[in-house]
N, C-alpha and C. Protein backbone atom coordinates (compact mmCIF):
# COMPACT_ATOMS: atom_id res chain seq x y z
N UNK A 1 -29.60 18.99 -31.87
CA UNK A 1 -29.79 18.53 -30.53
C UNK A 1 -29.83 19.65 -29.49
N UNK A 2 -29.34 20.83 -29.73
CA UNK A 2 -29.37 21.85 -28.68
C UNK A 2 -30.75 22.09 -28.09
N UNK A 3 -31.80 21.94 -28.88
CA UNK A 3 -33.13 22.24 -28.36
C UNK A 3 -33.55 21.27 -27.27
N UNK A 4 -33.09 20.04 -27.27
CA UNK A 4 -33.48 19.12 -26.21
C UNK A 4 -32.58 19.27 -24.98
N UNK A 5 -31.47 19.96 -25.13
CA UNK A 5 -30.62 20.25 -23.98
C UNK A 5 -31.03 21.55 -23.31
N UNK A 6 -31.70 22.40 -24.04
CA UNK A 6 -32.02 23.74 -23.57
C UNK A 6 -33.18 23.74 -22.58
N UNK A 7 -33.13 24.72 -21.70
CA UNK A 7 -34.24 24.96 -20.79
C UNK A 7 -35.10 26.12 -21.29
N UNK A 8 -34.77 26.65 -22.45
CA UNK A 8 -35.53 27.75 -23.03
C UNK A 8 -36.85 27.22 -23.60
N UNK A 9 -37.86 28.08 -23.62
CA UNK A 9 -39.14 27.71 -24.21
C UNK A 9 -39.06 27.64 -25.73
N UNK A 10 -38.24 28.52 -26.31
CA UNK A 10 -38.08 28.54 -27.76
C UNK A 10 -36.60 28.69 -28.10
N UNK A 11 -36.22 28.11 -29.23
CA UNK A 11 -34.84 28.20 -29.70
C UNK A 11 -34.87 28.65 -31.15
N UNK A 12 -33.97 29.54 -31.51
CA UNK A 12 -33.89 30.05 -32.87
C UNK A 12 -32.64 29.50 -33.54
N UNK A 13 -32.74 29.12 -34.79
CA UNK A 13 -31.60 28.63 -35.55
C UNK A 13 -31.34 29.55 -36.73
N UNK A 14 -30.09 29.71 -37.06
CA UNK A 14 -29.70 30.44 -38.25
C UNK A 14 -29.41 29.42 -39.34
N UNK A 15 -29.93 29.64 -40.49
CA UNK A 15 -29.75 28.71 -41.59
C UNK A 15 -28.45 29.04 -42.34
N UNK A 16 -27.37 29.06 -41.62
CA UNK A 16 -26.06 29.40 -42.18
C UNK A 16 -25.01 28.51 -41.55
N UNK A 17 -23.99 28.15 -42.33
CA UNK A 17 -22.82 27.48 -41.77
C UNK A 17 -21.87 28.55 -41.28
N UNK A 18 -21.84 28.80 -40.00
CA UNK A 18 -21.06 29.91 -39.46
C UNK A 18 -19.73 29.43 -38.89
N UNK A 19 -19.14 28.48 -39.54
CA UNK A 19 -17.83 27.99 -39.13
C UNK A 19 -17.09 27.52 -40.38
N UNK A 20 -15.81 27.35 -40.25
CA UNK A 20 -15.01 26.80 -41.33
C UNK A 20 -14.20 25.64 -40.79
N UNK A 21 -13.99 24.65 -41.61
CA UNK A 21 -13.23 23.49 -41.21
C UNK A 21 -11.96 23.45 -42.05
N UNK A 22 -10.83 23.45 -41.39
CA UNK A 22 -9.55 23.43 -42.08
C UNK A 22 -8.79 22.19 -41.64
N UNK A 23 -8.69 21.22 -42.54
CA UNK A 23 -8.00 19.98 -42.17
C UNK A 23 -6.58 19.91 -42.73
N UNK A 24 -6.00 21.04 -43.07
CA UNK A 24 -4.66 21.04 -43.66
C UNK A 24 -3.54 21.07 -42.63
N UNK A 25 -3.88 21.31 -41.37
CA UNK A 25 -2.84 21.42 -40.35
C UNK A 25 -2.49 20.06 -39.77
N UNK A 26 -1.23 19.81 -39.61
CA UNK A 26 -0.80 18.59 -38.93
C UNK A 26 -1.14 18.73 -37.44
N UNK A 27 -1.33 17.62 -36.79
CA UNK A 27 -1.71 17.58 -35.38
C UNK A 27 -3.04 18.29 -35.12
N UNK A 28 -3.90 18.26 -36.11
CA UNK A 28 -5.23 18.86 -35.94
C UNK A 28 -6.09 17.93 -35.09
N UNK A 29 -7.25 18.42 -34.72
CA UNK A 29 -8.20 17.62 -33.96
C UNK A 29 -8.55 16.34 -34.73
N UNK A 30 -8.70 16.47 -36.03
CA UNK A 30 -9.01 15.31 -36.86
C UNK A 30 -7.90 14.27 -36.79
N UNK A 31 -6.66 14.70 -36.88
CA UNK A 31 -5.53 13.77 -36.77
C UNK A 31 -5.51 13.08 -35.42
N UNK A 32 -5.77 13.83 -34.37
CA UNK A 32 -5.75 13.27 -33.02
C UNK A 32 -6.86 12.24 -32.84
N UNK A 33 -8.01 12.49 -33.43
CA UNK A 33 -9.12 11.54 -33.33
C UNK A 33 -8.78 10.22 -34.01
N UNK A 34 -8.09 10.29 -35.12
CA UNK A 34 -7.74 9.07 -35.86
C UNK A 34 -6.68 8.25 -35.15
N UNK A 35 -5.97 8.84 -34.20
CA UNK A 35 -4.92 8.13 -33.48
C UNK A 35 -5.42 7.48 -32.20
N UNK A 36 -6.66 7.68 -31.84
CA UNK A 36 -7.20 7.14 -30.58
C UNK A 36 -7.50 5.65 -30.71
N UNK A 37 -7.39 4.97 -29.59
CA UNK A 37 -7.75 3.55 -29.55
C UNK A 37 -9.26 3.42 -29.49
N UNK A 38 -9.76 2.22 -29.72
CA UNK A 38 -11.19 1.97 -29.62
C UNK A 38 -11.74 2.28 -28.24
N UNK A 39 -10.95 1.96 -27.21
CA UNK A 39 -11.39 2.25 -25.84
C UNK A 39 -11.47 3.76 -25.59
N UNK A 40 -10.51 4.52 -26.10
CA UNK A 40 -10.53 5.98 -25.93
C UNK A 40 -11.73 6.59 -26.66
N UNK A 41 -12.01 6.09 -27.85
CA UNK A 41 -13.15 6.58 -28.62
C UNK A 41 -14.45 6.28 -27.86
N UNK A 42 -14.56 5.05 -27.34
CA UNK A 42 -15.76 4.69 -26.57
C UNK A 42 -15.93 5.61 -25.36
N UNK A 43 -14.85 5.84 -24.61
CA UNK A 43 -14.94 6.69 -23.42
C UNK A 43 -15.36 8.11 -23.79
N UNK A 44 -14.88 8.64 -24.92
CA UNK A 44 -15.31 9.97 -25.37
C UNK A 44 -16.80 9.98 -25.68
N UNK A 45 -17.27 8.97 -26.40
CA UNK A 45 -18.69 8.88 -26.73
C UNK A 45 -19.53 8.72 -25.46
N UNK A 46 -19.05 7.89 -24.54
CA UNK A 46 -19.78 7.67 -23.29
C UNK A 46 -19.91 8.98 -22.51
N UNK A 47 -18.82 9.73 -22.40
CA UNK A 47 -18.86 11.00 -21.68
C UNK A 47 -19.86 11.96 -22.32
N UNK A 48 -19.87 12.00 -23.66
CA UNK A 48 -20.79 12.91 -24.36
C UNK A 48 -22.25 12.52 -24.11
N UNK A 49 -22.56 11.25 -24.25
CA UNK A 49 -23.93 10.78 -24.05
C UNK A 49 -24.37 11.02 -22.61
N UNK A 50 -23.53 10.69 -21.66
CA UNK A 50 -23.90 10.88 -20.26
C UNK A 50 -24.03 12.36 -19.91
N UNK A 51 -23.23 13.20 -20.56
CA UNK A 51 -23.32 14.64 -20.31
C UNK A 51 -24.72 15.15 -20.63
N UNK A 52 -25.26 14.80 -21.81
CA UNK A 52 -26.57 15.35 -22.13
C UNK A 52 -27.70 14.61 -21.41
N UNK A 53 -27.50 13.35 -21.06
CA UNK A 53 -28.54 12.67 -20.27
C UNK A 53 -28.63 13.27 -18.86
N UNK A 54 -27.48 13.54 -18.28
CA UNK A 54 -27.45 14.03 -16.90
C UNK A 54 -27.74 15.52 -16.78
N UNK A 55 -27.52 16.28 -17.85
CA UNK A 55 -27.65 17.74 -17.77
C UNK A 55 -28.71 18.33 -18.69
N UNK A 56 -29.31 17.51 -19.50
CA UNK A 56 -30.33 18.01 -20.41
C UNK A 56 -31.61 18.37 -19.69
N UNK A 57 -32.49 19.01 -20.42
CA UNK A 57 -33.77 19.43 -19.88
C UNK A 57 -34.62 18.20 -19.53
N UNK A 58 -34.99 18.02 -18.26
CA UNK A 58 -35.75 16.83 -17.86
C UNK A 58 -37.12 16.72 -18.52
N UNK A 59 -37.66 17.84 -18.97
CA UNK A 59 -38.94 17.81 -19.68
C UNK A 59 -38.78 17.02 -20.99
N UNK A 60 -37.58 17.01 -21.51
CA UNK A 60 -37.30 16.32 -22.77
C UNK A 60 -36.56 15.01 -22.57
N UNK A 61 -36.71 14.40 -21.41
CA UNK A 61 -36.00 13.17 -21.07
C UNK A 61 -36.19 12.07 -22.11
N UNK A 62 -37.41 11.85 -22.56
CA UNK A 62 -37.66 10.78 -23.54
C UNK A 62 -36.92 11.05 -24.86
N UNK A 63 -36.86 12.31 -25.27
CA UNK A 63 -36.10 12.65 -26.48
C UNK A 63 -34.61 12.42 -26.27
N UNK A 64 -34.11 12.84 -25.12
CA UNK A 64 -32.70 12.65 -24.81
C UNK A 64 -32.34 11.17 -24.84
N UNK A 65 -33.20 10.37 -24.27
CA UNK A 65 -32.99 8.93 -24.24
C UNK A 65 -32.99 8.34 -25.65
N UNK A 66 -33.89 8.82 -26.49
CA UNK A 66 -33.97 8.32 -27.87
C UNK A 66 -32.72 8.70 -28.65
N UNK A 67 -32.23 9.93 -28.46
CA UNK A 67 -30.98 10.34 -29.11
C UNK A 67 -29.84 9.45 -28.64
N UNK A 68 -29.78 9.19 -27.35
CA UNK A 68 -28.73 8.33 -26.80
C UNK A 68 -28.81 6.93 -27.42
N UNK A 69 -30.03 6.38 -27.49
CA UNK A 69 -30.20 5.04 -28.08
C UNK A 69 -29.70 5.00 -29.51
N UNK A 70 -30.09 5.99 -30.31
CA UNK A 70 -29.68 6.01 -31.71
C UNK A 70 -28.16 6.17 -31.85
N UNK A 71 -27.58 7.07 -31.06
CA UNK A 71 -26.13 7.28 -31.15
C UNK A 71 -25.37 6.04 -30.73
N UNK A 72 -25.76 5.44 -29.61
CA UNK A 72 -25.04 4.26 -29.13
C UNK A 72 -25.19 3.09 -30.09
N UNK A 73 -26.36 2.96 -30.69
CA UNK A 73 -26.57 1.91 -31.68
C UNK A 73 -25.70 2.12 -32.91
N UNK A 74 -25.64 3.36 -33.38
CA UNK A 74 -24.80 3.69 -34.53
C UNK A 74 -23.33 3.43 -34.23
N UNK A 75 -22.86 3.92 -33.08
CA UNK A 75 -21.45 3.73 -32.71
C UNK A 75 -21.13 2.25 -32.56
N UNK A 76 -22.06 1.46 -32.02
CA UNK A 76 -21.83 0.02 -31.86
C UNK A 76 -21.60 -0.64 -33.21
N UNK A 77 -22.39 -0.22 -34.21
CA UNK A 77 -22.21 -0.78 -35.56
C UNK A 77 -20.92 -0.32 -36.21
N UNK A 78 -20.63 0.98 -36.08
CA UNK A 78 -19.44 1.53 -36.73
C UNK A 78 -18.16 0.95 -36.13
N UNK A 79 -18.09 0.92 -34.80
CA UNK A 79 -16.85 0.52 -34.14
C UNK A 79 -16.84 -0.94 -33.72
N UNK A 80 -17.94 -1.64 -33.96
CA UNK A 80 -18.05 -3.05 -33.63
C UNK A 80 -17.56 -3.32 -32.20
N UNK A 81 -18.16 -2.55 -31.28
CA UNK A 81 -17.77 -2.61 -29.88
C UNK A 81 -19.02 -2.82 -29.04
N UNK A 82 -19.08 -3.91 -28.31
CA UNK A 82 -20.27 -4.23 -27.52
C UNK A 82 -20.43 -3.31 -26.31
N UNK A 83 -19.41 -2.55 -25.96
CA UNK A 83 -19.51 -1.65 -24.82
C UNK A 83 -20.62 -0.60 -25.02
N UNK A 84 -20.87 -0.22 -26.27
CA UNK A 84 -21.95 0.73 -26.55
C UNK A 84 -23.30 0.11 -26.19
N UNK A 85 -23.49 -1.15 -26.55
CA UNK A 85 -24.74 -1.84 -26.21
C UNK A 85 -24.85 -2.03 -24.69
N UNK A 86 -23.73 -2.34 -24.05
CA UNK A 86 -23.73 -2.49 -22.60
C UNK A 86 -24.10 -1.19 -21.91
N UNK A 87 -23.59 -0.07 -22.42
CA UNK A 87 -23.92 1.23 -21.84
C UNK A 87 -25.42 1.50 -21.98
N UNK A 88 -25.97 1.23 -23.16
CA UNK A 88 -27.40 1.44 -23.36
C UNK A 88 -28.21 0.60 -22.38
N UNK A 89 -27.80 -0.64 -22.19
CA UNK A 89 -28.48 -1.53 -21.24
C UNK A 89 -28.42 -0.94 -19.82
N UNK A 90 -27.26 -0.43 -19.42
CA UNK A 90 -27.12 0.19 -18.09
C UNK A 90 -28.05 1.39 -17.96
N UNK A 91 -28.13 2.19 -19.01
CA UNK A 91 -28.99 3.38 -18.98
C UNK A 91 -30.45 2.99 -18.81
N UNK A 92 -30.91 2.01 -19.57
CA UNK A 92 -32.32 1.63 -19.51
C UNK A 92 -32.66 0.90 -18.22
N UNK A 93 -31.70 0.17 -17.65
CA UNK A 93 -31.98 -0.56 -16.42
C UNK A 93 -31.94 0.33 -15.18
N UNK A 94 -31.28 1.46 -15.28
CA UNK A 94 -31.14 2.32 -14.11
C UNK A 94 -31.31 3.78 -14.52
N UNK A 95 -32.45 4.10 -15.11
CA UNK A 95 -32.69 5.44 -15.67
C UNK A 95 -32.47 6.56 -14.67
N UNK A 96 -32.95 6.42 -13.47
CA UNK A 96 -32.87 7.51 -12.50
C UNK A 96 -31.43 7.92 -12.22
N UNK A 97 -30.52 7.00 -12.30
CA UNK A 97 -29.11 7.32 -12.06
C UNK A 97 -28.56 8.23 -13.15
N UNK A 98 -29.17 8.19 -14.33
CA UNK A 98 -28.68 8.98 -15.45
C UNK A 98 -29.48 10.25 -15.69
N UNK A 99 -30.45 10.52 -14.84
CA UNK A 99 -31.28 11.71 -14.99
C UNK A 99 -30.68 12.90 -14.25
N UNK A 100 -29.48 12.80 -13.83
CA UNK A 100 -28.84 13.88 -13.10
C UNK A 100 -28.89 13.62 -11.60
N UNK A 101 -28.13 14.38 -10.89
CA UNK A 101 -27.99 14.14 -9.45
C UNK A 101 -29.29 14.40 -8.69
N UNK A 102 -30.19 15.17 -9.24
CA UNK A 102 -31.42 15.51 -8.53
C UNK A 102 -32.57 14.55 -8.85
N UNK A 103 -32.35 13.58 -9.76
CA UNK A 103 -33.45 12.72 -10.23
C UNK A 103 -34.64 13.59 -10.56
N UNK A 104 -34.46 14.44 -11.53
CA UNK A 104 -35.32 15.59 -11.79
C UNK A 104 -36.76 15.30 -12.14
N UNK A 105 -37.09 14.13 -12.60
CA UNK A 105 -38.49 13.91 -13.02
C UNK A 105 -39.35 13.43 -11.89
């Protein structure tokens, strides 16, 4: 997804996993995620989706919107929470509000 958030003309990717994941520590990020309520999880997902809709490259608005649709649809199925569908409906009914403060397009 970084390429649709970027304002660069070209983006380069390295075909390497340049990180390590260690889930052996107590109170890790993974543990904290599993302790969140459904509402907290929804609010985290909502913030993430709105972040890239509002700050992503406006030239790629349709791609950003499609990523948001797919993510919200997936989360709605996984968490069985209608708030994801409601958020998608709000986004599609009032697109300009989610295109950033400048209504860039």
